[in-house]
Amino acid sequence: MIAIISAMQEEIQALLNELKNKSTTIKGMRKYYVGDLFGKKVVLVFSRWGKVASAVTTTQLINDFPIDEIIFTGVAGSISKNLNIGDIVIGKNLYQHDLNASPLYNQFEIPLLNKNALSTVNTTKLENAVQKFLTTFNTYIHSEDIKRFHITNPKMVLGDIASGDQFISDTKKIESLNHLLPTAVCVEMEGAAVAQVCFEYDIPFSIIRTISDKANDNATIDFPKFAKAVASNYALGILKNYFA
């Protein structure tokens, strides 16, 4: 069974709409939707925002469902000049940018794991699914939404992701992250926590992030609207190719 997690229900609403033979289980204030998606047995859940919420959700998934793989999908803010709204990031290494247990450990090092970052599984299949999706992305996104959110020739990047319990909307913070984590291309609030749980339980993990903003002083878009109109349909198209 494949588990698909998002931080907001809007980010997976399009997938929920396609879910067949659906059943629902409520645990820990979360709804777990089990069913068939493009011929695969899946469980969908939105974790709520933040590292604790996503770690709790991931642990519940692994312990209560026969999970073979976990995919996280949702929006992220760009901290790279090469990324624009509508671009897609496939996560490679995931850092907790707000983790600092010094002087006992180096900054970003996860205590007892001896790792600064956690890596996703082989992403080749997912990259191929994204590239295929991008050739027809405008069939999944309404032209009005493409114009509204200024999406132009979206592309895919395989890159590192920085997670933390902060909404980044300050250029000085971006400059600091660029200096401390020069390989990170976007920021969000859940991925590295999910990656750590998957690592400790030996569950393959991958992550898809749609760039919704530049994570700067202008990061003021309607996130629920973008998540439902764009990111949710991106996930639908990408996973349809991935499961094919």
C-alpha atoms as a PDB file:
ATOM      1  CA  MET A   1       0.000   0.000   0.000  1.00  0.00           C
ATOM      2  CA  ILE A   2       1.214   3.494  -0.876  1.00  0.00           C
ATOM      3  CA  ALA A   3       0.584   6.346   1.559  1.00  0.00           C
ATOM      4  CA  ILE A   4       0.144   9.887   0.242  1.00  0.00           C
ATOM      5  CA  ILE A   5       0.412  12.742   2.738  1.00  0.00           C
ATOM      6  CA  SER A   6      -0.180  16.472   2.440  1.00  0.00           C
ATOM      7  CA  ALA A   7      -0.255  19.237   5.035  1.00  0.00           C
ATOM      8  CA  MET A   8      -3.621  20.602   3.856  1.00  0.00           C
ATOM      9  CA  GLN A   9      -6.609  18.713   2.473  1.00  0.00           C
ATOM     10  CA  GLU A  10      -6.712  21.161  -0.446  1.00  0.00           C
ATOM     11  CA  GLU A  11      -3.367  19.749  -1.596  1.00  0.00           C
ATOM     12  CA  ILE A  12      -4.816  16.263  -2.141  1.00  0.00           C
ATOM     13  CA  GLN A  13      -8.452  17.092  -2.897  1.00  0.00           C
ATOM     14  CA  ALA A  14      -8.109  16.148  -6.571  1.00  0.00           C
ATOM     15  CA  LEU A  15      -6.735  12.749  -5.530  1.00  0.00           C
ATOM     16  CA  LEU A  16      -9.593  12.242  -3.078  1.00  0.00           C
ATOM     17  CA  ASN A  17     -12.045  12.986  -5.859  1.00  0.00           C
ATOM     18  CA  GLU A  18     -10.524  10.142  -7.902  1.00  0.00           C
ATOM     19  CA  LEU A  19     -10.325   7.628  -5.035  1.00  0.00           C
ATOM     20  CA  LYS A  20     -12.442   4.505  -5.660  1.00  0.00           C
ATOM     21  CA  ASN A  21     -13.908   2.083  -3.104  1.00  0.00           C
ATOM     22  CA  LYS A  22     -13.191   4.638  -0.409  1.00  0.00           C
ATOM     23  CA  SER A  23     -13.368   3.962   3.319  1.00  0.00           C
ATOM     24  CA  THR A  24     -12.467   6.353   6.133  1.00  0.00           C
ATOM     25  CA  THR A  25     -10.773   5.822   9.472  1.00  0.00           C
ATOM     26  CA  ILE A  26     -10.454   8.584  12.078  1.00  0.00           C
ATOM     27  CA  LYS A  27      -7.461   8.479  14.417  1.00  0.00           C
ATOM     28  CA  GLY A  28      -5.746  11.212  16.361  1.00  0.00           C
ATOM     29  CA  MET A  29      -7.980  13.951  14.895  1.00  0.00           C
ATOM     30  CA  ARG A  30      -7.049  12.913  11.348  1.00  0.00           C
ATOM     31  CA  LYS A  31      -9.018  11.169   8.610  1.00  0.00           C
ATOM     32  CA  TYR A  32      -7.270   8.356   6.754  1.00  0.00           C
ATOM     33  CA  TYR A  33      -8.881   7.637   3.376  1.00  0.00           C
ATOM     34  CA  VAL A  34      -8.243   4.122   2.040  1.00  0.00           C
ATOM     35  CA  GLY A  35      -9.141   3.140  -1.502  1.00  0.00           C
ATOM     36  CA  ASP A  36      -7.979   2.507  -5.048  1.00  0.00           C
ATOM     37  CA  LEU A  37      -6.211   5.200  -7.052  1.00  0.00           C
ATOM     38  CA  PHE A  38      -5.272   4.503 -10.668  1.00  0.00           C
ATOM     39  CA  GLY A  39      -5.197   0.789  -9.926  1.00  0.00           C
ATOM     40  CA  LYS A  40      -3.083   1.072  -6.751  1.00  0.00           C
ATOM     41  CA  LYS A  41      -4.155   0.532  -3.148  1.00  0.00           C
ATOM     42  CA  VAL A  42      -3.511   3.771  -1.292  1.00  0.00           C
ATOM     43  CA  VAL A  43      -4.208   5.642   1.910  1.00  0.00           C
ATOM     44  CA  LEU A  44      -4.505   9.441   1.788  1.00  0.00           C
ATOM     45  CA  VAL A  45      -4.253  11.788   4.754  1.00  0.00           C
ATOM     46  CA  PHE A  46      -3.557  15.427   5.414  1.00  0.00           C
ATOM     47  CA  SER A  47      -1.218  15.758   8.355  1.00  0.00           C
ATOM     48  CA  ARG A  48      -1.790  19.410   9.310  1.00  0.00           C
ATOM     49  CA  TRP A  49       1.068  21.905   9.299  1.00  0.00           C
ATOM     50  CA  GLY A  50       4.433  21.461  10.967  1.00  0.00           C
ATOM     51  CA  LYS A  51       7.031  18.865  11.845  1.00  0.00           C
ATOM     52  CA  VAL A  52       5.291  17.432  14.904  1.00  0.00           C
ATOM     53  CA  ALA A  53       1.942  17.052  13.156  1.00  0.00           C
ATOM     54  CA  SER A  54       3.493  15.370  10.131  1.00  0.00           C
ATOM     55  CA  ALA A  55       5.682  13.065  12.247  1.00  0.00           C
ATOM     56  CA  VAL A  56       2.659  11.950  14.283  1.00  0.00           C
ATOM     57  CA  THR A  57       0.682  11.270  11.112  1.00  0.00           C
ATOM     58  CA  THR A  58       3.513   9.319   9.494  1.00  0.00           C
ATOM     59  CA  THR A  59       4.048   7.171  12.585  1.00  0.00           C
ATOM     60  CA  GLN A  60       0.320   6.402  12.754  1.00  0.00           C
ATOM     61  CA  LEU A  61       0.312   5.440   9.079  1.00  0.00           C
ATOM     62  CA  ILE A  62       3.246   3.065   9.417  1.00  0.00           C
ATOM     63  CA  ASN A  63       1.885   1.373  12.521  1.00  0.00           C
ATOM     64  CA  ASP A  64      -1.740   1.032  11.417  1.00  0.00           C
ATOM     65  CA  PHE A  65      -1.541   0.362   7.679  1.00  0.00           C
ATOM     66  CA  PRO A  66       0.567  -2.044   5.565  1.00  0.00           C
ATOM     67  CA  ILE A  67       2.663   0.765   4.071  1.00  0.00           C
ATOM     68  CA  ASP A  68       5.265  -0.030   1.398  1.00  0.00           C
ATOM     69  CA  GLU A  69       6.033   3.555   0.380  1.00  0.00           C
ATOM     70  CA  ILE A  70       5.226   7.103   1.462  1.00  0.00           C
ATOM     71  CA  ILE A  71       4.910  10.121  -0.816  1.00  0.00           C
ATOM     72  CA  PHE A  72       4.509  13.642   0.528  1.00  0.00           C
ATOM     73  CA  THR A  73       2.994  16.237  -1.789  1.00  0.00           C
ATOM     74  CA  GLY A  74       2.160  19.909  -1.394  1.00  0.00           C
ATOM     75  CA  VAL A  75       3.356  23.474  -1.795  1.00  0.00           C
ATOM     76  CA  ALA A  76       6.682  25.090  -0.889  1.00  0.00           C
ATOM     77  CA  GLY A  77       8.365  28.477  -1.032  1.00  0.00           C
ATOM     78  CA  SER A  78      11.301  28.989  -3.355  1.00  0.00           C
ATOM     79  CA  ILE A  79      14.634  30.180  -1.946  1.00  0.00           C
ATOM     80  CA  SER A  80      16.360  29.741  -5.301  1.00  0.00           C
ATOM     81  CA  LYS A  81      16.511  32.390  -8.012  1.00  0.00           C
ATOM     82  CA  ASN A  82      16.062  29.587 -10.533  1.00  0.00           C
ATOM     83  CA  LEU A  83      12.615  28.545  -9.298  1.00  0.00           C
ATOM     84  CA  ASN A  84       9.324  30.198 -10.182  1.00  0.00           C
ATOM     85  CA  ILE A  85       5.705  29.748  -9.188  1.00  0.00           C
ATOM     86  CA  GLY A  86       4.399  26.514 -10.667  1.00  0.00           C
ATOM     87  CA  ASP A  87       7.785  24.796 -10.828  1.00  0.00           C
ATOM     88  CA  ILE A  88       8.119  21.347  -9.256  1.00  0.00           C
ATOM     89  CA  VAL A  89      10.797  20.214  -6.814  1.00  0.00           C
ATOM     90  CA  ILE A  90      11.515  16.529  -6.331  1.00  0.00           C
ATOM     91  CA  GLY A  91      13.272  16.288  -2.988  1.00  0.00           C
ATOM     92  CA  LYS A  92      16.758  14.803  -2.801  1.00  0.00           C
ATOM     93  CA  ASN A  93      18.093  15.562   0.690  1.00  0.00           C
ATOM     94  CA  LEU A  94      15.907  16.972   3.457  1.00  0.00           C
ATOM     95  CA  TYR A  95      17.267  19.217   6.205  1.00  0.00           C
ATOM     96  CA  GLN A  96      15.648  20.548   9.371  1.00  0.00           C
ATOM     97  CA  HIS A  97      16.755  24.149   9.076  1.00  0.00           C
ATOM     98  CA  ASP A  98      15.628  24.981  12.626  1.00  0.00           C
ATOM     99  CA  LEU A  99      17.481  22.068  14.259  1.00  0.00           C
ATOM    100  CA  ASN A 100      20.484  23.117  16.328  1.00  0.00           C
ATOM    101  CA  ALA A 101      21.623  20.942  19.247  1.00  0.00           C
ATOM    102  CA  SER A 102      25.061  22.554  19.480  1.00  0.00           C
ATOM    103  CA  PRO A 103      27.460  22.333  21.197  1.00  0.00           C
ATOM    104  CA  LEU A 104      26.537  18.665  21.693  1.00  0.00           C
ATOM    105  CA  TYR A 105      26.013  18.215  17.957  1.00  0.00           C
ATOM    106  CA  ASN A 106      26.780  20.214  14.861  1.00  0.00           C
ATOM    107  CA  GLN A 107      24.045  22.497  13.551  1.00  0.00           C
ATOM    108  CA  PHE A 108      21.430  20.526  11.550  1.00  0.00           C
ATOM    109  CA  GLU A 109      22.776  17.177  12.812  1.00  0.00           C
ATOM    110  CA  ILE A 110      19.991  14.865  13.991  1.00  0.00           C
ATOM    111  CA  PRO A 111      20.922  13.603  17.468  1.00  0.00           C
ATOM    112  CA  LEU A 112      21.899   9.917  17.562  1.00  0.00           C
ATOM    113  CA  LEU A 113      21.430   9.417  13.805  1.00  0.00           C
ATOM    114  CA  ASN A 114      24.733  11.086  12.865  1.00  0.00           C
ATOM    115  CA  LYS A 115      23.090  12.665   9.837  1.00  0.00           C
ATOM    116  CA  ASN A 116      22.643  16.284   8.815  1.00  0.00           C
ATOM    117  CA  ALA A 117      20.084  15.375   6.169  1.00  0.00           C
ATOM    118  CA  LEU A 118      17.977  12.419   5.115  1.00  0.00           C
ATOM    119  CA  SER A 119      17.789  11.295   1.508  1.00  0.00           C
ATOM    120  CA  THR A 120      14.811  10.146  -0.522  1.00  0.00           C
ATOM    121  CA  VAL A 121      14.730   6.836  -2.386  1.00  0.00           C
ATOM    122  CA  ASN A 122      15.661   6.425  -6.045  1.00  0.00           C
ATOM    123  CA  THR A 123      13.671   9.225  -7.691  1.00  0.00           C
ATOM    124  CA  THR A 124      14.096   8.270 -11.355  1.00  0.00           C
ATOM    125  CA  LYS A 125      10.560   6.933 -11.760  1.00  0.00           C
ATOM    126  CA  LEU A 126       9.087   9.983 -10.062  1.00  0.00           C
ATOM    127  CA  GLU A 127      11.205  12.346 -12.177  1.00  0.00           C
ATOM    128  CA  ASN A 128       9.955  10.622 -15.327  1.00  0.00           C
ATOM    129  CA  ALA A 129       6.368  10.960 -14.106  1.00  0.00           C
ATOM    130  CA  VAL A 130       6.859  14.686 -13.511  1.00  0.00           C
ATOM    131  CA  GLN A 131       8.473  15.270 -16.897  1.00  0.00           C
ATOM    132  CA  LYS A 132       5.583  13.488 -18.597  1.00  0.00           C
ATOM    133  CA  PHE A 133       3.086  15.537 -16.595  1.00  0.00           C
ATOM    134  CA  LEU A 134       4.754  18.812 -17.571  1.00  0.00           C
ATOM    135  CA  THR A 135       4.169  18.135 -21.258  1.00  0.00           C
ATOM    136  CA  THR A 136       0.398  18.240 -20.629  1.00  0.00           C
ATOM    137  CA  PHE A 137       0.117  20.221 -17.378  1.00  0.00           C
ATOM    138  CA  ASN A 138      -2.312  22.734 -18.902  1.00  0.00           C
ATOM    139  CA  THR A 139      -4.885  19.956 -19.319  1.00  0.00           C
ATOM    140  CA  TYR A 140      -4.975  19.635 -15.517  1.00  0.00           C
ATOM    141  CA  ILE A 141      -4.921  23.341 -14.624  1.00  0.00           C
ATOM    142  CA  HIS A 142      -7.573  25.804 -15.757  1.00  0.00           C
ATOM    143  CA  SER A 143      -6.228  28.545 -18.009  1.00  0.00           C
ATOM    144  CA  GLU A 144      -7.666  31.156 -15.629  1.00  0.00           C
ATOM    145  CA  ASP A 145      -5.609  29.715 -12.763  1.00  0.00           C
ATOM    146  CA  ILE A 146      -2.485  29.600 -14.919  1.00  0.00           C
ATOM    147  CA  LYS A 147      -2.924  33.322 -15.554  1.00  0.00           C
ATOM    148  CA  ARG A 148      -3.983  34.167 -11.992  1.00  0.00           C
ATOM    149  CA  PHE A 149      -0.865  32.601 -10.477  1.00  0.00           C
ATOM    150  CA  HIS A 150       1.490  33.656 -13.296  1.00  0.00           C
ATOM    151  CA  ILE A 151       2.590  30.122 -14.187  1.00  0.00           C
ATOM    152  CA  THR A 152       4.849  30.158 -17.242  1.00  0.00           C
ATOM    153  CA  ASN A 153       6.634  27.112 -18.677  1.00  0.00           C
ATOM    154  CA  PRO A 154       6.891  25.191 -15.389  1.00  0.00           C
ATOM    155  CA  LYS A 155       9.924  22.972 -14.942  1.00  0.00           C
ATOM    156  CA  MET A 156      11.160  20.236 -12.623  1.00  0.00           C
ATOM    157  CA  VAL A 157      14.187  20.451 -10.331  1.00  0.00           C
ATOM    158  CA  LEU A 158      15.742  17.643  -8.312  1.00  0.00           C
ATOM    159  CA  GLY A 159      17.003  19.465  -5.243  1.00  0.00           C
ATOM    160  CA  ASP A 160      17.412  19.640  -1.492  1.00  0.00           C
ATOM    161  CA  ILE A 161      14.598  20.862   0.742  1.00  0.00           C
ATOM    162  CA  ALA A 162      14.740  22.698   4.070  1.00  0.00           C
ATOM    163  CA  SER A 163      11.974  22.058   6.601  1.00  0.00           C
ATOM    164  CA  GLY A 164      11.182  23.976   9.770  1.00  0.00           C
ATOM    165  CA  ASP A 165       8.364  25.147  11.989  1.00  0.00           C
ATOM    166  CA  GLN A 166       8.432  28.620  10.484  1.00  0.00           C
ATOM    167  CA  PHE A 167       6.630  30.299   7.612  1.00  0.00           C
ATOM    168  CA  ILE A 168       9.488  31.944   5.727  1.00  0.00           C
ATOM    169  CA  SER A 169       8.545  35.363   4.345  1.00  0.00           C
ATOM    170  CA  ASP A 170      11.647  37.440   4.973  1.00  0.00           C
ATOM    171  CA  THR A 171      14.473  38.087   2.531  1.00  0.00           C
ATOM    172  CA  LYS A 172      17.071  38.195   5.322  1.00  0.00           C
ATOM    173  CA  LYS A 173      16.022  34.718   6.462  1.00  0.00           C
ATOM    174  CA  ILE A 174      16.316  33.487   2.884  1.00  0.00           C
ATOM    175  CA  GLU A 175      19.827  34.910   2.632  1.00  0.00           C
ATOM    176  CA  SER A 176      20.738  33.144   5.854  1.00  0.00           C
ATOM    177  CA  LEU A 177      19.357  29.822   4.588  1.00  0.00           C
ATOM    178  CA  ASN A 178      21.171  30.250   1.284  1.00  0.00           C
ATOM    179  CA  HIS A 179      24.403  30.675   3.230  1.00  0.00           C
ATOM    180  CA  LEU A 180      23.861  27.848   5.726  1.00  0.00           C
ATOM    181  CA  LEU A 181      22.240  25.367   3.317  1.00  0.00           C
ATOM    182  CA  PRO A 182      23.464  26.361  -0.150  1.00  0.00           C
ATOM    183  CA  THR A 183      22.027  23.274  -1.870  1.00  0.00           C
ATOM    184  CA  ALA A 184      18.467  23.821  -0.577  1.00  0.00           C
ATOM    185  CA  VAL A 185      16.125  25.192  -3.242  1.00  0.00           C
ATOM    186  CA  CYS A 186      12.864  25.514  -1.300  1.00  0.00           C
ATOM    187  CA  VAL A 187      11.418  25.659   2.201  1.00  0.00           C
ATOM    188  CA  GLU A 188       8.382  24.051   3.820  1.00  0.00           C
ATOM    189  CA  MET A 189       7.269  22.745   7.214  1.00  0.00           C
ATOM    190  CA  GLU A 190       6.966  18.947   7.080  1.00  0.00           C
ATOM    191  CA  GLY A 191       9.212  17.029   4.691  1.00  0.00           C
ATOM    192  CA  ALA A 192      12.320  16.453   6.812  1.00  0.00           C
ATOM    193  CA  ALA A 193      10.212  15.244   9.748  1.00  0.00           C
ATOM    194  CA  VAL A 194       8.428  12.699   7.555  1.00  0.00           C
ATOM    195  CA  ALA A 195      11.794  11.661   6.100  1.00  0.00           C
ATOM    196  CA  GLN A 196      13.185  11.023   9.593  1.00  0.00           C
ATOM    197  CA  VAL A 197      10.268   8.818  10.609  1.00  0.00           C
ATOM    198  CA  CYS A 198      10.512   6.878   7.340  1.00  0.00           C
ATOM    199  CA  PHE A 199      14.256   6.444   7.822  1.00  0.00           C
ATOM    200  CA  GLU A 200      13.809   5.088  11.332  1.00  0.00           C
ATOM    201  CA  TYR A 201      11.094   2.671  10.191  1.00  0.00           C
ATOM    202  CA  ASP A 202      12.918   1.760   6.957  1.00  0.00           C
ATOM    203  CA  ILE A 203      10.061   2.902   4.699  1.00  0.00           C
ATOM    204  CA  PRO A 204      10.893   4.325   1.233  1.00  0.00           C
ATOM    205  CA  PHE A 205      10.063   8.028   1.077  1.00  0.00           C
ATOM    206  CA  SER A 206       9.781  10.613  -1.675  1.00  0.00           C
ATOM    207  CA  ILE A 207       8.470  14.162  -1.832  1.00  0.00           C
ATOM    208  CA  ILE A 208       6.920  16.393  -4.486  1.00  0.00           C
ATOM    209  CA  ARG A 209       6.707  20.133  -3.846  1.00  0.00           C
ATOM    210  CA  THR A 210       4.980  22.681  -6.071  1.00  0.00           C
ATOM    211  CA  ILE A 211       6.428  26.174  -5.784  1.00  0.00           C
ATOM    212  CA  SER A 212       3.655  28.521  -4.651  1.00  0.00           C
ATOM    213  CA  ASP A 213       5.697  31.614  -3.767  1.00  0.00           C
ATOM    214  CA  LYS A 214       9.172  33.074  -3.468  1.00  0.00           C
ATOM    215  CA  ALA A 215       9.197  32.820   0.367  1.00  0.00           C
ATOM    216  CA  ASN A 216       9.982  36.534   0.597  1.00  0.00           C
ATOM    217  CA  ASP A 217       8.217  39.721   1.660  1.00  0.00           C
ATOM    218  CA  ASN A 218       5.786  39.223  -1.235  1.00  0.00           C
ATOM    219  CA  ALA A 219       4.704  35.739  -0.148  1.00  0.00           C
ATOM    220  CA  THR A 220       1.047  36.699   0.165  1.00  0.00           C
ATOM    221  CA  ILE A 221      -0.835  34.441  -2.253  1.00  0.00           C
ATOM    222  CA  ASP A 222      -4.026  32.632  -1.302  1.00  0.00           C
ATOM    223  CA  PHE A 223      -2.435  29.320  -0.278  1.00  0.00           C
ATOM    224  CA  PRO A 224      -5.627  27.245   0.085  1.00  0.00           C
ATOM    225  CA  LYS A 225      -6.748  28.444  -3.353  1.00  0.00           C
ATOM    226  CA  PHE A 226      -3.376  27.737  -4.963  1.00  0.00           C
ATOM    227  CA  ALA A 227      -3.199  24.345  -3.231  1.00  0.00           C
ATOM    228  CA  LYS A 228      -6.635  23.293  -4.489  1.00  0.00           C
ATOM    229  CA  ALA A 229      -6.464  24.793  -7.989  1.00  0.00           C
ATOM    230  CA  VAL A 230      -2.822  24.038  -8.798  1.00  0.00           C
ATOM    231  CA  ALA A 231      -0.882  21.818  -6.371  1.00  0.00           C
ATOM    232  CA  SER A 232      -3.721  19.316  -5.958  1.00  0.00           C
ATOM    233  CA  ASN A 233      -4.073  18.882  -9.720  1.00  0.00           C
ATOM    234  CA  TYR A 234      -0.304  18.708 -10.138  1.00  0.00           C
ATOM    235  CA  ALA A 235      -0.316  15.773  -7.685  1.00  0.00           C
ATOM    236  CA  LEU A 236      -3.158  14.156  -9.609  1.00  0.00           C
ATOM    237  CA  GLY A 237      -1.356  14.321 -12.937  1.00  0.00           C
ATOM    238  CA  ILE A 238       2.046  13.321 -11.576  1.00  0.00           C
ATOM    239  CA  LEU A 239       0.782  10.328  -9.604  1.00  0.00           C
ATOM    240  CA  LYS A 240      -1.380   9.150 -12.490  1.00  0.00           C
ATOM    241  CA  ASN A 241       1.838   8.847 -14.489  1.00  0.00           C
ATOM    242  CA  TYR A 242       3.769   7.439 -11.526  1.00  0.00           C
ATOM    243  CA  PHE A 243       1.239   4.651 -10.941  1.00  0.00           C
ATOM    244  CA  ALA A 244       0.919   3.770 -14.642  1.00  0.00           C
END
